[in-house]
Amino acid sequence: MKTVTLYADARDIADADEAARGLMSVFPEFDYADLKKKLQSERAWVVLRHDLTPRQHASVHALGFPGFRFEERPRRIYPKGSLASHGVGFVGSENKGLIGLERTLNDALASATGDGPVELSLDLRGQYVMRDELIRSMLEFKAKAATGLVLDVTTGEILALVSLPDFDPNDIGAASNNQLFNRATMGVYEMGSTFKAFNTAMALDGGKIGIDDQFDASAPYKVANRTIHDFHAENRWLSVAEVFMVSSNIG
């Protein structure tokens, strides 16, 4: 989206006091002393405000001070806010991609010649559902963070990718390092009990076990110099299905 940046050539400001007071009528949040100092600096390029609204642009122009200049520049807008912030990423002040797909596709986007938008594999419906569920889980379990992704195992396409806490790429200056960290692609975790999905599937697929086969989980199991316990012990024989359902370490 094209936006307007207001800057001043302080060499053309005849009366810094008058010019500062004029700008204060448009931007009352400016600090008068700081603004006047900038307008007295004799510098040729003094950035005063990025992303002016059309009304602000017209109001400054109407002030009629010759030292004020306007520059049109593109600015990336993220309509979905934080919904897919880690996957999409964001650009810096020079519209250069810094993280996520913005960084990966930076060269392609910068040299785009009107061939149409870049299409992603992300499904915003799945993205919304996953983010909502992870937020619920974080609140329920008082977790510090959460992450998850959904992918098409046939094509490798990522349909949803969420890392929490996330951030609003439209206001990147407010994001902390904790929010910027992408736990889906940069975090390293022990698999823990999720590994049971793999070894159970491999054993079934290889014909080593049947889903109704029984295993003795009535007591801790010794392997070499280690003793394996169950966190929530059933203390009985378990079928393969039950081993998986109750997440039995012994089984």
Protein backbone atom coordinates (compact mmCIF):
# COMPACT_ATOMS: atom_id res chain seq x y z
CA MET A 1 0.00 0.00 0.00
CA LYS A 2 1.37 3.43 -0.89
CA THR A 3 1.81 5.75 2.09
CA VAL A 4 3.22 9.23 2.57
CA THR A 5 6.22 10.19 4.72
CA LEU A 6 6.61 13.77 5.92
CA TYR A 7 10.12 15.17 6.14
CA ALA A 8 11.66 18.63 6.24
CA ASP A 9 14.56 20.32 4.50
CA ALA A 10 15.51 22.43 7.51
CA ARG A 11 17.56 24.74 5.31
CA ASP A 12 14.32 26.03 3.79
CA ILE A 13 12.59 26.64 7.15
CA ALA A 14 12.70 30.42 7.67
CA ASP A 15 10.98 30.42 11.06
CA ALA A 16 11.38 27.19 13.03
CA ASP A 17 9.09 28.41 15.81
CA GLU A 18 6.23 29.20 13.44
CA ALA A 19 6.72 25.97 11.48
CA ALA A 20 6.78 23.87 14.67
CA ARG A 21 3.58 25.48 15.96
CA GLY A 22 1.94 24.88 12.59
CA LEU A 23 2.80 21.18 12.70
CA MET A 24 1.57 20.96 16.28
CA SER A 25 -1.88 21.98 15.02
CA VAL A 26 -1.90 18.82 12.88
CA PHE A 27 0.05 16.52 15.22
CA PRO A 28 -0.67 17.68 18.79
CA GLU A 29 1.20 14.63 20.12
CA PHE A 30 4.53 16.02 18.86
CA ASP A 31 6.97 17.43 21.40
CA TYR A 32 7.31 21.13 20.60
CA ALA A 33 10.87 21.60 21.88
CA ASP A 34 12.15 18.51 20.05
CA LEU A 35 10.34 19.48 16.86
CA LYS A 36 11.71 23.03 16.88
CA LYS A 37 15.23 21.69 17.44
CA LYS A 38 14.91 19.44 14.39
CA LEU A 39 13.65 22.29 12.23
CA GLN A 40 16.61 24.46 13.29
CA SER A 41 19.17 21.77 12.46
CA GLU A 42 19.99 22.96 8.90
CA ARG A 43 19.82 19.31 7.77
CA ALA A 44 18.47 18.53 4.33
CA TRP A 45 16.55 15.41 5.43
CA VAL A 46 14.67 15.40 8.73
CA VAL A 47 12.01 12.68 8.93
CA LEU A 48 9.04 13.94 10.91
CA ARG A 49 6.27 11.36 10.44
CA HIS A 50 5.71 8.12 8.54
CA ASP A 51 2.38 6.88 7.16
CA LEU A 52 0.35 10.08 7.03
CA THR A 53 -3.39 9.75 6.54
CA PRO A 54 -4.87 11.60 3.54
CA ARG A 55 -6.35 14.17 5.96
CA GLN A 56 -2.96 14.75 7.65
CA HIS A 57 -1.26 15.02 4.27
CA ALA A 58 -3.73 17.69 3.12
CA SER A 59 -3.52 19.59 6.43
CA VAL A 60 0.29 19.83 6.37
CA HIS A 61 0.22 20.83 2.71
CA ALA A 62 -2.29 23.58 3.53
CA LEU A 63 0.13 25.08 6.08
CA GLY A 64 2.16 26.34 3.12
CA PHE A 65 5.66 26.04 4.59
CA PRO A 66 8.15 25.52 1.72
CA GLY A 67 10.53 23.43 3.84
CA PHE A 68 8.09 20.54 4.28
CA ARG A 69 8.39 17.67 1.80
CA PHE A 70 6.39 14.53 1.10
CA GLU A 71 7.64 11.21 -0.15
CA GLU A 72 5.44 8.38 -1.36
CA ARG A 73 6.69 4.95 -0.39
CA PRO A 74 5.15 1.46 -0.29
CA ARG A 75 4.28 -0.05 3.06
CA ARG A 76 3.29 -3.62 3.73
CA ILE A 77 -0.13 -4.01 5.35
CA TYR A 78 -1.13 -7.25 7.11
CA PRO A 79 -4.97 -7.37 7.18
CA LYS A 80 -5.07 -10.56 9.29
CA GLY A 81 -2.80 -9.12 11.98
CA SER A 82 -1.22 -11.78 14.16
CA LEU A 83 -3.20 -14.71 12.71
CA ALA A 84 -0.29 -16.08 10.64
CA SER A 85 2.48 -13.77 11.78
CA HIS A 86 5.28 -16.34 12.18
CA GLY A 87 4.61 -18.03 8.86
CA VAL A 88 4.16 -14.86 6.83
CA GLY A 89 6.79 -12.83 8.72
CA PHE A 90 7.28 -9.10 8.22
CA VAL A 91 9.40 -6.50 6.45
CA GLY A 92 11.66 -3.80 7.87
CA SER A 93 11.55 -0.06 7.28
CA GLU A 94 13.01 -0.49 3.78
CA ASN A 95 10.39 -3.13 2.89
CA LYS A 96 12.99 -5.89 3.02
CA GLY A 97 11.76 -9.22 4.39
CA LEU A 98 13.26 -10.01 7.79
CA ILE A 99 11.63 -13.28 8.87
CA GLY A 100 9.20 -15.89 7.60
CA LEU A 101 8.03 -16.05 4.00
CA GLU A 102 8.67 -12.33 3.64
CA ARG A 103 12.37 -13.11 3.97
CA THR A 104 12.32 -16.35 1.96
CA LEU A 105 10.44 -14.74 -0.94
CA ASN A 106 12.00 -11.29 -0.62
CA ASP A 107 13.80 -11.35 -3.98
CA ALA A 108 10.75 -12.67 -5.82
CA LEU A 109 8.48 -10.05 -4.25
CA ALA A 110 10.94 -7.22 -4.82
CA SER A 111 11.26 -8.06 -8.52
CA ALA A 112 7.58 -8.76 -9.11
CA THR A 113 6.44 -7.53 -12.52
CA GLY A 114 2.70 -7.72 -12.13
CA ASP A 115 2.41 -11.50 -12.56
CA GLY A 116 -0.13 -11.64 -9.76
CA PRO A 117 -0.02 -12.30 -6.02
CA VAL A 118 2.08 -14.98 -4.37
CA GLU A 119 -0.22 -17.79 -3.31
CA LEU A 120 0.51 -19.69 -0.10
CA SER A 121 -0.62 -23.12 1.03
CA LEU A 122 -1.93 -21.74 4.34
CA ASP A 123 -5.62 -22.35 4.96
CA LEU A 124 -6.87 -19.43 7.06
CA ARG A 125 -9.74 -21.49 8.44
CA GLY A 126 -7.36 -24.13 9.77
CA GLN A 127 -5.00 -21.40 10.92
CA TYR A 128 -7.75 -19.73 12.94
CA VAL A 129 -8.96 -22.99 14.51
CA MET A 130 -5.44 -24.07 15.52
CA ARG A 131 -4.56 -20.67 16.99
CA ASP A 132 -7.82 -20.56 18.93
CA GLU A 133 -7.30 -24.05 20.36
CA LEU A 134 -3.69 -23.34 21.34
CA ILE A 135 -4.73 -20.14 23.12
CA ARG A 136 -7.39 -22.13 25.03
CA SER A 137 -4.81 -24.77 25.98
CA MET A 138 -2.29 -22.18 27.13
CA LEU A 139 -4.89 -20.65 29.42
CA GLU A 140 -6.09 -24.01 30.73
CA PHE A 141 -2.63 -25.37 31.51
CA LYS A 142 -1.03 -21.99 32.33
CA ALA A 143 1.60 -22.64 29.67
CA LYS A 144 4.29 -20.15 28.75
CA ALA A 145 4.09 -20.96 25.05
CA ALA A 146 2.52 -23.29 22.48
CA THR A 147 3.06 -24.33 18.90
CA GLY A 148 1.51 -26.55 16.28
CA LEU A 149 1.28 -27.14 12.56
CA VAL A 150 -0.89 -28.98 10.08
CA LEU A 151 0.68 -30.27 6.90
CA ASP A 152 -0.29 -32.35 3.90
CA VAL A 153 1.92 -35.42 4.20
CA THR A 154 1.57 -36.13 0.48
CA THR A 155 2.75 -32.76 -0.82
CA GLY A 156 4.53 -31.31 2.21
CA GLU A 157 2.34 -28.20 2.03
CA ILE A 158 1.90 -26.41 5.36
CA LEU A 159 -1.80 -25.73 5.88
CA ALA A 160 -1.50 -24.10 9.31
CA LEU A 161 1.44 -22.98 11.44
CA VAL A 162 1.05 -21.29 14.82
CA SER A 163 3.59 -20.22 17.43
CA LEU A 164 2.42 -18.56 20.63
CA PRO A 165 2.89 -15.97 21.93
CA ASP A 166 2.68 -14.29 18.54
CA PHE A 167 2.82 -10.66 17.38
CA ASP A 168 1.12 -8.12 15.13
CA PRO A 169 3.35 -7.52 12.07
CA ASN A 170 1.63 -4.14 11.60
CA ASP A 171 3.18 -3.00 14.91
CA ILE A 172 6.48 -4.85 15.01
CA GLY A 173 8.06 -2.31 17.35
CA ALA A 174 5.79 -3.52 20.15
CA ALA A 175 6.88 -7.17 19.78
CA SER A 176 9.27 -8.74 22.30
CA ASN A 177 11.97 -11.31 21.44
CA ASN A 178 9.79 -13.94 23.10
CA GLN A 179 6.94 -13.13 20.73
CA LEU A 180 9.19 -13.11 17.66
CA PHE A 181 10.68 -16.55 18.40
CA ASN A 182 9.12 -19.13 16.06
CA ARG A 183 8.71 -22.27 18.14
CA ALA A 184 7.44 -24.28 15.18
CA THR A 185 10.65 -23.91 13.15
CA MET A 186 13.34 -22.86 15.64
CA GLY A 187 12.39 -24.67 18.84
CA VAL A 188 14.05 -28.00 19.74
CA TYR A 189 12.04 -30.37 21.93
CA GLU A 190 12.22 -33.92 23.21
CA MET A 191 9.50 -35.96 21.55
CA GLY A 192 8.39 -37.52 24.82
CA SER A 193 5.21 -39.59 24.55
CA THR A 194 4.47 -38.35 21.04
CA PHE A 195 7.11 -40.88 19.97
CA LYS A 196 4.65 -43.64 20.91
CA ALA A 197 2.61 -42.77 17.84
CA PHE A 198 5.62 -43.62 15.68
CA ASN A 199 6.83 -46.85 17.27
CA THR A 200 3.25 -48.18 17.58
CA ALA A 201 2.58 -47.40 13.91
CA MET A 202 5.88 -48.96 12.82
CA ALA A 203 5.25 -52.14 14.82
CA LEU A 204 1.72 -52.47 13.39
CA ASP A 205 2.86 -51.67 9.86
CA GLY A 206 5.71 -54.18 10.10
CA GLY A 207 3.42 -56.94 11.30
CA LYS A 208 5.28 -57.33 14.60
CA ILE A 209 2.14 -56.80 16.67
CA GLY A 210 -1.63 -56.81 16.28
CA ILE A 211 -3.93 -54.16 17.67
CA ASP A 212 -5.43 -56.63 20.17
CA ASP A 213 -2.15 -58.17 21.35
CA GLN A 214 -1.66 -58.02 25.13
CA PHE A 215 1.36 -56.78 27.07
CA ASP A 216 2.05 -57.04 30.79
CA ALA A 217 2.03 -53.56 32.34
CA SER A 218 1.21 -54.75 35.84
CA ALA A 219 4.64 -53.85 37.26
CA PRO A 220 7.63 -51.64 36.39
CA TYR A 221 9.78 -53.06 33.60
CA LYS A 222 13.56 -53.43 33.87
CA VAL A 223 15.80 -52.87 30.84
CA ALA A 224 19.54 -53.25 31.53
CA ASN A 225 20.23 -50.92 34.48
CA ARG A 226 17.03 -48.89 33.97
CA THR A 227 13.55 -49.37 35.40
CA ILE A 228 10.62 -48.07 33.37
CA HIS A 229 7.57 -46.81 35.25
CA ASP A 230 4.14 -45.58 34.17
CA PHE A 231 3.14 -42.05 35.15
CA HIS A 232 -0.49 -43.13 35.61
CA ALA A 233 -0.07 -46.86 36.14
CA GLU A 234 -2.93 -49.19 35.14
CA ASN A 235 -1.18 -52.12 36.90
CA ARG A 236 -2.61 -54.73 34.53
CA TRP A 237 -2.22 -56.36 31.14
CA LEU A 238 -2.95 -53.93 28.30
CA SER A 239 -3.84 -54.36 24.65
CA VAL A 240 -1.83 -52.44 22.05
CA ALA A 241 -4.74 -50.03 21.69
CA GLU A 242 -4.83 -49.49 25.45
CA VAL A 243 -1.05 -49.04 25.64
CA PHE A 244 -1.43 -46.21 23.17
CA MET A 245 -4.56 -44.70 24.74
CA VAL A 246 -3.20 -44.55 28.30
CA SER A 247 0.33 -43.74 27.07
CA SER A 248 1.92 -46.63 28.96
CA ASN A 249 5.72 -46.37 29.12
CA ILE A 250 5.93 -50.00 30.24
CA GLY A 251 3.76 -51.18 27.33
